């Protein structure tokens, strides 16, 4: 399994390369690690000038992470959290 830095680098490359957001599943990651990955992706996208605007997340996972629907994150390009039922442990990062 890739370490967190490698995973973040790969996720950001996917965000940049795909016009349609690709679901990324965090199956083998605990809540703390999922939160760390999300935060690192937000920061890395800002660093790489990738205009991350929304992060789609399942409501259950969002609640567990304390990420309410419509919440604007206070770092990076300030993406908005959007709850999307049926995503389960998957996330979709959307860049404009």
PDB file of N, CA and C in Angstrom:
ATOM      1  N   UNK A   1       0.853  -1.182   0.000  1.00  0.00           N
ATOM      2  CA  UNK A   1       0.000   0.000   0.000  1.00  0.00           C
ATOM      3  C   UNK A   1       0.892   1.235   0.000  1.00  0.00           C
ATOM      4  N   UNK A   2       0.499   2.254  -0.768  1.00  0.00           N
ATOM      5  CA  UNK A   2       1.264   3.500  -0.850  1.00  0.00           C
ATOM      6  C   UNK A   2       1.209   4.251   0.474  1.00  0.00           C
ATOM      7  N   UNK A   3       2.283   4.987   0.776  1.00  0.00           N
ATOM      8  CA  UNK A   3       2.247   5.814   1.975  1.00  0.00           C
ATOM      9  C   UNK A   3       1.388   7.046   1.685  1.00  0.00           C
ATOM     10  N   UNK A   4       1.124   7.843   2.711  1.00  0.00           N
ATOM     11  CA  UNK A   4       0.215   8.977   2.571  1.00  0.00           C
ATOM     12  C   UNK A   4       0.702   9.979   1.527  1.00  0.00           C
ATOM     13  N   UNK A   5       1.988  10.302   1.528  1.00  0.00           N
ATOM     14  CA  UNK A   5       2.525  11.267   0.562  1.00  0.00           C
ATOM     15  C   UNK A   5       2.348  10.772  -0.870  1.00  0.00           C
ATOM     16  N   UNK A   6       2.609   9.500  -1.106  1.00  0.00           N
ATOM     17  CA  UNK A   6       2.445   8.928  -2.449  1.00  0.00           C
ATOM     18  C   UNK A   6       0.976   8.933  -2.863  1.00  0.00           C
ATOM     19  N   UNK A   7       0.112   8.602  -1.924  1.00  0.00           N
ATOM     20  CA  UNK A   7      -1.322   8.580  -2.198  1.00  0.00           C
ATOM     21  C   UNK A   7      -1.823   9.983  -2.542  1.00  0.00           C
ATOM     22  N   UNK A   8      -1.408  10.978  -1.773  1.00  0.00           N
ATOM     23  CA  UNK A   8      -1.817  12.363  -2.027  1.00  0.00           C
ATOM     24  C   UNK A   8      -1.322  12.827  -3.394  1.00  0.00           C
ATOM     25  N   UNK A   9      -0.086  12.513  -3.725  1.00  0.00           N
ATOM     26  CA  UNK A   9       0.479  12.891  -5.020  1.00  0.00           C
ATOM     27  C   UNK A   9      -0.332  12.269  -6.160  1.00  0.00           C
ATOM     28  N   UNK A  10      -0.688  11.007  -6.020  1.00  0.00           N
ATOM     29  CA  UNK A  10      -1.458  10.301  -7.039  1.00  0.00           C
ATOM     30  C   UNK A  10      -2.867  10.880  -7.165  1.00  0.00           C
ATOM     31  N   UNK A  11      -3.504  11.151  -6.037  1.00  0.00           N
ATOM     32  CA  UNK A  11      -4.856  11.722  -6.061  1.00  0.00           C
ATOM     33  C   UNK A  11      -4.837  13.073  -6.764  1.00  0.00           C
ATOM     34  N   UNK A  12      -3.872  13.917  -6.441  1.00  0.00           N
ATOM     35  CA  UNK A  12      -3.791  15.242  -7.067  1.00  0.00           C
ATOM     36  C   UNK A  12      -3.542  15.137  -8.564  1.00  0.00           C
ATOM     37  N   UNK A  13      -2.712  14.183  -8.968  1.00  0.00           N
ATOM     38  CA  UNK A  13      -2.471  13.969 -10.396  1.00  0.00           C
ATOM     39  C   UNK A  13      -3.760  13.543 -11.093  1.00  0.00           C
ATOM     40  N   UNK A  14      -4.555  12.715 -10.443  1.00  0.00           N
ATOM     41  CA  UNK A  14      -5.835  12.275 -11.012  1.00  0.00           C
ATOM     42  C   UNK A  14      -6.813  13.443 -11.122  1.00  0.00           C
ATOM     43  N   UNK A  15      -6.840  14.290 -10.101  1.00  0.00           N
ATOM     44  CA  UNK A  15      -7.734  15.454 -10.129  1.00  0.00           C
ATOM     45  C   UNK A  15      -7.366  16.352 -11.307  1.00  0.00           C
ATOM     46  N   UNK A  16      -6.083  16.584 -11.464  1.00  0.00           N
ATOM     47  CA  UNK A  16      -5.600  17.470 -12.536  1.00  0.00           C
ATOM     48  C   UNK A  16      -5.866  16.881 -13.923  1.00  0.00           C
ATOM     49  N   UNK A  17      -5.764  15.567 -14.067  1.00  0.00           N
ATOM     50  CA  UNK A  17      -5.860  14.917 -15.373  1.00  0.00           C
ATOM     51  C   UNK A  17      -7.287  14.614 -15.827  1.00  0.00           C
ATOM     52  N   UNK A  18      -8.248  14.621 -14.910  1.00  0.00           N
ATOM     53  CA  UNK A  18      -9.602  14.195 -15.247  1.00  0.00           C
ATOM     54  C   UNK A  18     -10.606  15.323 -15.093  1.00  0.00           C
ATOM     55  N   UNK A  19     -11.328  15.635 -16.162  1.00  0.00           N
ATOM     56  CA  UNK A  19     -12.366  16.661 -16.091  1.00  0.00           C
ATOM     57  C   UNK A  19     -13.550  16.185 -15.246  1.00  0.00           C
ATOM     58  N   UNK A  20     -13.806  14.882 -15.275  1.00  0.00           N
ATOM     59  CA  UNK A  20     -14.881  14.295 -14.477  1.00  0.00           C
ATOM     60  C   UNK A  20     -14.252  13.704 -13.219  1.00  0.00           C
ATOM     61  N   UNK A  21     -14.733  14.121 -12.032  1.00  0.00           N
ATOM     62  CA  UNK A  21     -14.144  13.603 -10.793  1.00  0.00           C
ATOM     63  C   UNK A  21     -14.231  12.081 -10.685  1.00  0.00           C
ATOM     64  N   UNK A  22     -13.121  11.471 -10.359  1.00  0.00           N
ATOM     65  CA  UNK A  22     -13.035  10.024 -10.215  1.00  0.00           C
ATOM     66  C   UNK A  22     -13.184   9.669  -8.731  1.00  0.00           C
ATOM     67  N   UNK A  23     -14.098   8.750  -8.384  1.00  0.00           N
ATOM     68  CA  UNK A  23     -14.214   8.359  -6.980  1.00  0.00           C
ATOM     69  C   UNK A  23     -12.926   7.696  -6.480  1.00  0.00           C
ATOM     70  N   UNK A  24     -12.506   8.083  -5.308  1.00  0.00           N
ATOM     71  CA  UNK A  24     -11.308   7.530  -4.676  1.00  0.00           C
ATOM     72  C   UNK A  24     -11.752   6.907  -3.361  1.00  0.00           C
ATOM     73  N   UNK A  25     -11.550   5.610  -3.234  1.00  0.00           N
ATOM     74  CA  UNK A  25     -12.022   4.883  -2.062  1.00  0.00           C
ATOM     75  C   UNK A  25     -10.910   4.744  -1.026  1.00  0.00           C
ATOM     76  N   UNK A  26     -11.238   5.094   0.209  1.00  0.00           N
ATOM     77  CA  UNK A  26     -10.295   4.983   1.326  1.00  0.00           C
ATOM     78  C   UNK A  26     -10.732   3.818   2.215  1.00  0.00           C
ATOM     79  N   UNK A  27     -10.700   2.621   1.666  1.00  0.00           N
ATOM     80  CA  UNK A  27     -11.178   1.428   2.360  1.00  0.00           C
ATOM     81  C   UNK A  27     -10.317   1.022   3.542  1.00  0.00           C
ATOM     82  N   UNK A  28      -9.022   1.094   3.394  1.00  0.00           N
ATOM     83  CA  UNK A  28      -8.110   0.594   4.427  1.00  0.00           C
ATOM     84  C   UNK A  28      -7.551   1.700   5.307  1.00  0.00           C
ATOM     85  N   UNK A  29      -8.269   2.806   5.381  1.00  0.00           N
ATOM     86  CA  UNK A  29      -7.793   3.951   6.142  1.00  0.00           C
ATOM     87  C   UNK A  29      -8.780   4.284   7.248  1.00  0.00           C
ATOM     88  N   UNK A  30      -8.256   4.500   8.448  1.00  0.00           N
ATOM     89  CA  UNK A  30      -9.082   4.911   9.581  1.00  0.00           C
ATOM     90  C   UNK A  30      -9.503   6.361   9.425  1.00  0.00           C
ATOM     91  N   UNK A  31     -10.325   6.835  10.356  1.00  0.00           N
ATOM     92  CA  UNK A  31     -10.826   8.205  10.280  1.00  0.00           C
ATOM     93  C   UNK A  31      -9.701   9.232  10.355  1.00  0.00           C
ATOM     94  N   UNK A  32      -8.751   9.031  11.243  1.00  0.00           N
ATOM     95  CA  UNK A  32      -7.648   9.992  11.373  1.00  0.00           C
ATOM     96  C   UNK A  32      -6.840  10.069  10.086  1.00  0.00           C
ATOM     97  N   UNK A  33      -6.559   8.926   9.495  1.00  0.00           N
ATOM     98  CA  UNK A  33      -5.787   8.907   8.264  1.00  0.00           C
ATOM     99  C   UNK A  33      -6.593   9.490   7.097  1.00  0.00           C
ATOM    100  N   UNK A  34      -7.903   9.208   7.052  1.00  0.00           N
ATOM    101  CA  UNK A  34      -8.751   9.786   6.007  1.00  0.00           C
ATOM    102  C   UNK A  34      -8.761  11.309   6.114  1.00  0.00           C
ATOM    103  N   UNK A  35      -8.881  11.825   7.337  1.00  0.00           N
ATOM    104  CA  UNK A  35      -8.850  13.274   7.540  1.00  0.00           C
ATOM    105  C   UNK A  35      -7.507  13.852   7.112  1.00  0.00           C
ATOM    106  N   UNK A  36      -6.435  13.155   7.437  1.00  0.00           N
ATOM    107  CA  UNK A  36      -5.093  13.602   7.046  1.00  0.00           C
ATOM    108  C   UNK A  36      -4.947  13.628   5.527  1.00  0.00           C
ATOM    109  N   UNK A  37      -5.453  12.610   4.862  1.00  0.00           N
ATOM    110  CA  UNK A  37      -5.368  12.534   3.402  1.00  0.00           C
ATOM    111  C   UNK A  37      -6.172  13.668   2.769  1.00  0.00           C
ATOM    112  N   UNK A  38      -7.387  13.890   3.235  1.00  0.00           N
ATOM    113  CA  UNK A  38      -8.218  14.965   2.685  1.00  0.00           C
ATOM    114  C   UNK A  38      -7.510  16.314   2.846  1.00  0.00           C
ATOM    115  N   UNK A  39      -7.018  16.579   4.050  1.00  0.00           N
ATOM    116  CA  UNK A  39      -6.320  17.844   4.294  1.00  0.00           C
ATOM    117  C   UNK A  39      -5.090  17.996   3.427  1.00  0.00           C
ATOM    118  N   UNK A  40      -4.342  16.919   3.271  1.00  0.00           N
ATOM    119  CA  UNK A  40      -3.122  16.965   2.456  1.00  0.00           C
ATOM    120  C   UNK A  40      -3.450  17.175   0.979  1.00  0.00           C
ATOM    121  N   UNK A  41      -4.535  16.569   0.496  1.00  0.00           N
ATOM    122  CA  UNK A  41      -4.948  16.772  -0.896  1.00  0.00           C
ATOM    123  C   UNK A  41      -5.344  18.238  -1.103  1.00  0.00           C
ATOM    124  N   UNK A  42      -6.089  18.804  -0.168  1.00  0.00           N
ATOM    125  CA  UNK A  42      -6.496  20.208  -0.273  1.00  0.00           C
ATOM    126  C   UNK A  42      -5.262  21.105  -0.344  1.00  0.00           C
ATOM    127  N   UNK A  43      -4.298  20.876   0.535  1.00  0.00           N
ATOM    128  CA  UNK A  43      -3.079  21.689   0.552  1.00  0.00           C
ATOM    129  C   UNK A  43      -2.235  21.475  -0.707  1.00  0.00           C
ATOM    130  N   UNK A  44      -2.093  20.231  -1.130  1.00  0.00           N
ATOM    131  CA  UNK A  44      -1.272  19.928  -2.314  1.00  0.00           C
ATOM    132  C   UNK A  44      -1.893  20.527  -3.570  1.00  0.00           C
ATOM    133  N   UNK A  45      -3.221  20.462  -3.689  1.00  0.00           N
ATOM    134  CA  UNK A  45      -3.884  21.069  -4.843  1.00  0.00           C
ATOM    135  C   UNK A  45      -3.627  22.578  -4.859  1.00  0.00           C
ATOM    136  N   UNK A  46      -3.700  23.212  -3.717  1.00  0.00           N
ATOM    137  CA  UNK A  46      -3.407  24.648  -3.643  1.00  0.00           C
ATOM    138  C   UNK A  46      -1.970  24.915  -4.083  1.00  0.00           C
ATOM    139  N   UNK A  47      -1.041  24.128  -3.572  1.00  0.00           N
ATOM    140  CA  UNK A  47       0.386  24.278  -3.913  1.00  0.00           C
ATOM    141  C   UNK A  47       0.627  24.096  -5.412  1.00  0.00           C
ATOM    142  N   UNK A  48      -0.099  23.139  -6.022  1.00  0.00           N
ATOM    143  CA  UNK A  48       0.072  22.823  -7.437  1.00  0.00           C
ATOM    144  C   UNK A  48      -0.857  23.636  -8.353  1.00  0.00           C
ATOM    145  N   UNK A  49      -1.526  24.639  -7.785  1.00  0.00           N
ATOM    146  CA  UNK A  49      -2.445  25.511  -8.533  1.00  0.00           C
ATOM    147  C   UNK A  49      -3.576  24.735  -9.207  1.00  0.00           C
ATOM    148  N   UNK A  50      -4.071  23.711  -8.535  1.00  0.00           N
ATOM    149  CA  UNK A  50      -5.237  22.963  -8.994  1.00  0.00           C
ATOM    150  C   UNK A  50      -6.440  23.559  -8.258  1.00  0.00           C
ATOM    151  N   UNK A  51      -7.395  24.158  -8.980  1.00  0.00           N
ATOM    152  CA  UNK A  51      -8.501  24.871  -8.337  1.00  0.00           C
ATOM    153  C   UNK A  51      -9.573  23.947  -7.747  1.00  0.00           C
ATOM    154  N   UNK A  52      -9.233  23.279  -6.662  1.00  0.00           N
ATOM    155  CA  UNK A  52     -10.164  22.363  -5.998  1.00  0.00           C
ATOM    156  C   UNK A  52     -11.334  23.171  -5.439  1.00  0.00           C
ATOM    157  N   UNK A  53     -12.549  22.827  -5.852  1.00  0.00           N
ATOM    158  CA  UNK A  53     -13.708  23.615  -5.425  1.00  0.00           C
ATOM    159  C   UNK A  53     -14.679  22.850  -4.533  1.00  0.00           C
ATOM    160  N   UNK A  54     -14.798  21.536  -4.750  1.00  0.00           N
ATOM    161  CA  UNK A  54     -15.740  20.737  -3.966  1.00  0.00           C
ATOM    162  C   UNK A  54     -15.149  19.370  -3.647  1.00  0.00           C
ATOM    163  N   UNK A  55     -15.545  18.867  -2.491  1.00  0.00           N
ATOM    164  CA  UNK A  55     -15.198  17.510  -2.091  1.00  0.00           C
ATOM    165  C   UNK A  55     -16.510  16.798  -1.791  1.00  0.00           C
ATOM    166  N   UNK A  56     -16.805  15.770  -2.558  1.00  0.00           N
ATOM    167  CA  UNK A  56     -18.024  14.992  -2.366  1.00  0.00           C
ATOM    168  C   UNK A  56     -17.714  13.843  -1.430  1.00  0.00           C
ATOM    169  N   UNK A  57     -18.586  13.661  -0.433  1.00  0.00           N
ATOM    170  CA  UNK A  57     -18.349  12.673   0.604  1.00  0.00           C
ATOM    171  C   UNK A  57     -19.694  12.116   1.064  1.00  0.00           C
ATOM    172  N   UNK A  58     -19.718  10.850   1.432  1.00  0.00           N
ATOM    173  CA  UNK A  58     -20.940  10.235   1.943  1.00  0.00           C
ATOM    174  C   UNK A  58     -21.330  10.905   3.260  1.00  0.00           C
ATOM    175  N   UNK A  59     -22.625  11.135   3.509  1.00  0.00           N
ATOM    176  CA  UNK A  59     -23.042  11.781   4.753  1.00  0.00           C
ATOM    177  C   UNK A  59     -22.540  11.077   6.019  1.00  0.00           C
ATOM    178  N   UNK A  60     -22.533   9.757   6.020  1.00  0.00           N
ATOM    179  CA  UNK A  60     -22.075   9.033   7.210  1.00  0.00           C
ATOM    180  C   UNK A  60     -20.599   9.308   7.477  1.00  0.00           C
ATOM    181  N   UNK A  61     -19.776   9.219   6.444  1.00  0.00           N
ATOM    182  CA  UNK A  61     -18.348   9.507   6.600  1.00  0.00           C
ATOM    183  C   UNK A  61     -18.147  10.984   6.941  1.00  0.00           C
ATOM    184  N   UNK A  62     -18.929  11.849   6.312  1.00  0.00           N
ATOM    185  CA  UNK A  62     -18.845  13.276   6.622  1.00  0.00           C
ATOM    186  C   UNK A  62     -19.114  13.562   8.092  1.00  0.00           C
ATOM    187  N   UNK A  63     -20.159  12.935   8.638  1.00  0.00           N
ATOM    188  CA  UNK A  63     -20.468  13.108  10.062  1.00  0.00           C
ATOM    189  C   UNK A  63     -19.327  12.602  10.941  1.00  0.00           C
ATOM    190  N   UNK A  64     -18.799  11.423  10.585  1.00  0.00           N
ATOM    191  CA  UNK A  64     -17.704  10.841  11.371  1.00  0.00           C
ATOM    192  C   UNK A  64     -16.470  11.749  11.373  1.00  0.00           C
ATOM    193  N   UNK A  65     -16.243  12.457  10.269  1.00  0.00           N
ATOM    194  CA  UNK A  65     -15.090  13.339  10.155  1.00  0.00           C
ATOM    195  C   UNK A  65     -15.395  14.766  10.609  1.00  0.00           C
ATOM    196  N   UNK A  66     -16.659  15.040  10.950  1.00  0.00           N
ATOM    197  CA  UNK A  66     -17.039  16.388  11.347  1.00  0.00           C
ATOM    198  C   UNK A  66     -17.096  17.353  10.176  1.00  0.00           C
ATOM    199  N   UNK A  67     -17.364  16.830   8.984  1.00  0.00           N
ATOM    200  CA  UNK A  67     -17.443  17.651   7.780  1.00  0.00           C
ATOM    201  C   UNK A  67     -18.900  17.754   7.342  1.00  0.00           C
ATOM    202  N   UNK A  68     -19.547  18.821   7.751  1.00  0.00           N
ATOM    203  CA  UNK A  68     -20.959  19.027   7.450  1.00  0.00           C
ATOM    204  C   UNK A  68     -21.175  19.436   6.000  1.00  0.00           C
ATOM    205  N   UNK A  69     -22.329  19.061   5.467  1.00  0.00           N
ATOM    206  CA  UNK A  69     -22.700  19.434   4.112  1.00  0.00           C
ATOM    207  C   UNK A  69     -22.709  20.955   3.986  1.00  0.00           C
ATOM    208  N   UNK A  70     -22.053  21.472   2.960  1.00  0.00           N
ATOM    209  CA  UNK A  70     -22.009  22.908   2.727  1.00  0.00           C
ATOM    210  C   UNK A  70     -20.882  23.630   3.445  1.00  0.00           C
ATOM    211  N   UNK A  71     -20.155  22.922   4.275  1.00  0.00           N
ATOM    212  CA  UNK A  71     -19.044  23.546   5.006  1.00  0.00           C
ATOM    213  C   UNK A  71     -17.915  23.918   4.039  1.00  0.00           C
ATOM    214  N   UNK A  72     -17.385  25.098   4.209  1.00  0.00           N
ATOM    215  CA  UNK A  72     -16.240  25.546   3.423  1.00  0.00           C
ATOM    216  C   UNK A  72     -14.999  25.332   4.278  1.00  0.00           C
ATOM    217  N   UNK A  73     -14.053  24.568   3.736  1.00  0.00           N
ATOM    218  CA  UNK A  73     -12.817  24.318   4.478  1.00  0.00           C
ATOM    219  C   UNK A  73     -11.995  25.600   4.536  1.00  0.00           C
ATOM    220  N   UNK A  74     -11.298  25.784   5.612  1.00  0.00           N
ATOM    221  CA  UNK A  74     -10.585  27.036   5.855  1.00  0.00           C
ATOM    222  C   UNK A  74      -9.147  27.029   5.350  1.00  0.00           C
ATOM    223  N   UNK A  75      -8.788  26.095   4.528  1.00  0.00           N
ATOM    224  CA  UNK A  75      -7.416  26.070   4.015  1.00  0.00           C
ATOM    225  C   UNK A  75      -7.428  25.697   2.542  1.00  0.00           C
ATOM    226  N   UNK A  76      -6.256  25.792   1.920  1.00  0.00           N
ATOM    227  CA  UNK A  76      -6.165  25.526   0.489  1.00  0.00           C
ATOM    228  C   UNK A  76      -6.989  26.525  -0.298  1.00  0.00           C
ATOM    229  N   UNK A  77      -7.668  26.052  -1.319  1.00  0.00           N
ATOM    230  CA  UNK A  77      -8.512  26.931  -2.137  1.00  0.00           C
ATOM    231  C   UNK A  77      -9.923  27.040  -1.562  1.00  0.00           C
ATOM    232  N   UNK A  78     -10.079  26.613  -0.319  1.00  0.00           N
ATOM    233  CA  UNK A  78     -11.352  26.691   0.414  1.00  0.00           C
ATOM    234  C   UNK A  78     -12.488  25.927  -0.276  1.00  0.00           C
ATOM    235  N   UNK A  79     -12.269  24.628  -0.550  1.00  0.00           N
ATOM    236  CA  UNK A  79     -13.328  23.843  -1.193  1.00  0.00           C
ATOM    237  C   UNK A  79     -14.523  23.638  -0.255  1.00  0.00           C
ATOM    238  N   UNK A  80     -15.653  23.392  -0.861  1.00  0.00           N
ATOM    239  CA  UNK A  80     -16.896  23.152  -0.134  1.00  0.00           C
ATOM    240  C   UNK A  80     -17.141  21.652  -0.019  1.00  0.00           C
ATOM    241  N   UNK A  81     -17.573  21.228   1.152  1.00  0.00           N
ATOM    242  CA  UNK A  81     -17.956  19.827   1.377  1.00  0.00           C
ATOM    243  C   UNK A  81     -19.370  19.625   0.856  1.00  0.00           C
ATOM    244  N   UNK A  82     -19.565  18.604   0.043  1.00  0.00           N
ATOM    245  CA  UNK A  82     -20.877  18.270  -0.506  1.00  0.00           C
ATOM    246  C   UNK A  82     -21.185  16.816  -0.175  1.00  0.00           C
ATOM    247  N   UNK A  83     -22.253  16.618   0.568  1.00  0.00           N
ATOM    248  CA  UNK A  83     -22.639  15.248   0.895  1.00  0.00           C
ATOM    249  C   UNK A  83     -23.308  14.603  -0.309  1.00  0.00           C
ATOM    250  N   UNK A  84     -22.912  13.365  -0.564  1.00  0.00           N
ATOM    251  CA  UNK A  84     -23.502  12.595  -1.656  1.00  0.00           C
ATOM    252  C   UNK A  84     -23.744  11.175  -1.160  1.00  0.00           C
ATOM    253  N   UNK A  85     -25.018  10.845  -0.871  1.00  0.00           N
ATOM    254  CA  UNK A  85     -25.325   9.493  -0.402  1.00  0.00           C
ATOM    255  C   UNK A  85     -24.838   8.439  -1.403  1.00  0.00           C
ATOM    256  N   UNK A  86     -24.559   7.285  -0.909  1.00  0.00           N
ATOM    257  CA  UNK A  86     -24.133   6.125  -1.685  1.00  0.00           C
ATOM    258  C   UNK A  86     -22.639   6.105  -2.006  1.00  0.00           C
ATOM    259  N   UNK A  87     -21.870   7.114  -1.600  1.00  0.00           N
ATOM    260  CA  UNK A  87     -20.428   7.077  -1.855  1.00  0.00           C
ATOM    261  C   UNK A  87     -19.701   6.122  -0.914  1.00  0.00           C
ATOM    262  N   UNK A  88     -20.288   5.853   0.247  1.00  0.00           N
ATOM    263  CA  UNK A  88     -19.629   4.965   1.204  1.00  0.00           C
ATOM    264  C   UNK A  88     -18.285   5.531   1.622  1.00  0.00           C
ATOM    265  N   UNK A  89     -17.208   4.772   1.434  1.00  0.00           N
ATOM    266  CA  UNK A  89     -15.864   5.203   1.822  1.00  0.00           C
ATOM    267  C   UNK A  89     -15.127   5.890   0.666  1.00  0.00           C
ATOM    268  N   UNK A  90     -15.869   6.220  -0.392  1.00  0.00           N
ATOM    269  CA  UNK A  90     -15.261   6.904  -1.529  1.00  0.00           C
ATOM    270  C   UNK A  90     -15.432   8.413  -1.408  1.00  0.00           C
ATOM    271  N   UNK A  91     -14.511   9.130  -2.021  1.00  0.00           N
ATOM    272  CA  UNK A  91     -14.545  10.596  -2.093  1.00  0.00           C
ATOM    273  C   UNK A  91     -14.419  10.984  -3.550  1.00  0.00           C
ATOM    274  N   UNK A  92     -14.976  12.140  -3.902  1.00  0.00           N
ATOM    275  CA  UNK A  92     -14.738  12.700  -5.228  1.00  0.00           C
ATOM    276  C   UNK A  92     -14.275  14.138  -5.026  1.00  0.00           C
ATOM    277  N   UNK A  93     -13.115  14.452  -5.560  1.00  0.00           N
ATOM    278  CA  UNK A  93     -12.556  15.795  -5.480  1.00  0.00           C
ATOM    279  C   UNK A  93     -12.844  16.480  -6.812  1.00  0.00           C
ATOM    280  N   UNK A  94     -13.467  17.654  -6.778  1.00  0.00           N
ATOM    281  CA  UNK A  94     -13.852  18.347  -8.007  1.00  0.00           C
ATOM    282  C   UNK A  94     -13.086  19.655  -8.137  1.00  0.00           C
ATOM    283  N   UNK A  95     -12.401  19.810  -9.249  1.00  0.00           N
ATOM    284  CA  UNK A  95     -11.691  21.052  -9.561  1.00  0.00           C
ATOM    285  C   UNK A  95     -12.428  21.776 -10.685  1.00  0.00           C
ATOM    286  N   UNK A  96     -12.428  23.081 -10.610  1.00  0.00           N
ATOM    287  CA  UNK A  96     -13.069  23.877 -11.672  1.00  0.00           C
ATOM    288  C   UNK A  96     -12.147  24.069 -12.841  1.00  0.00           C
TER     289      UNK A  96
END
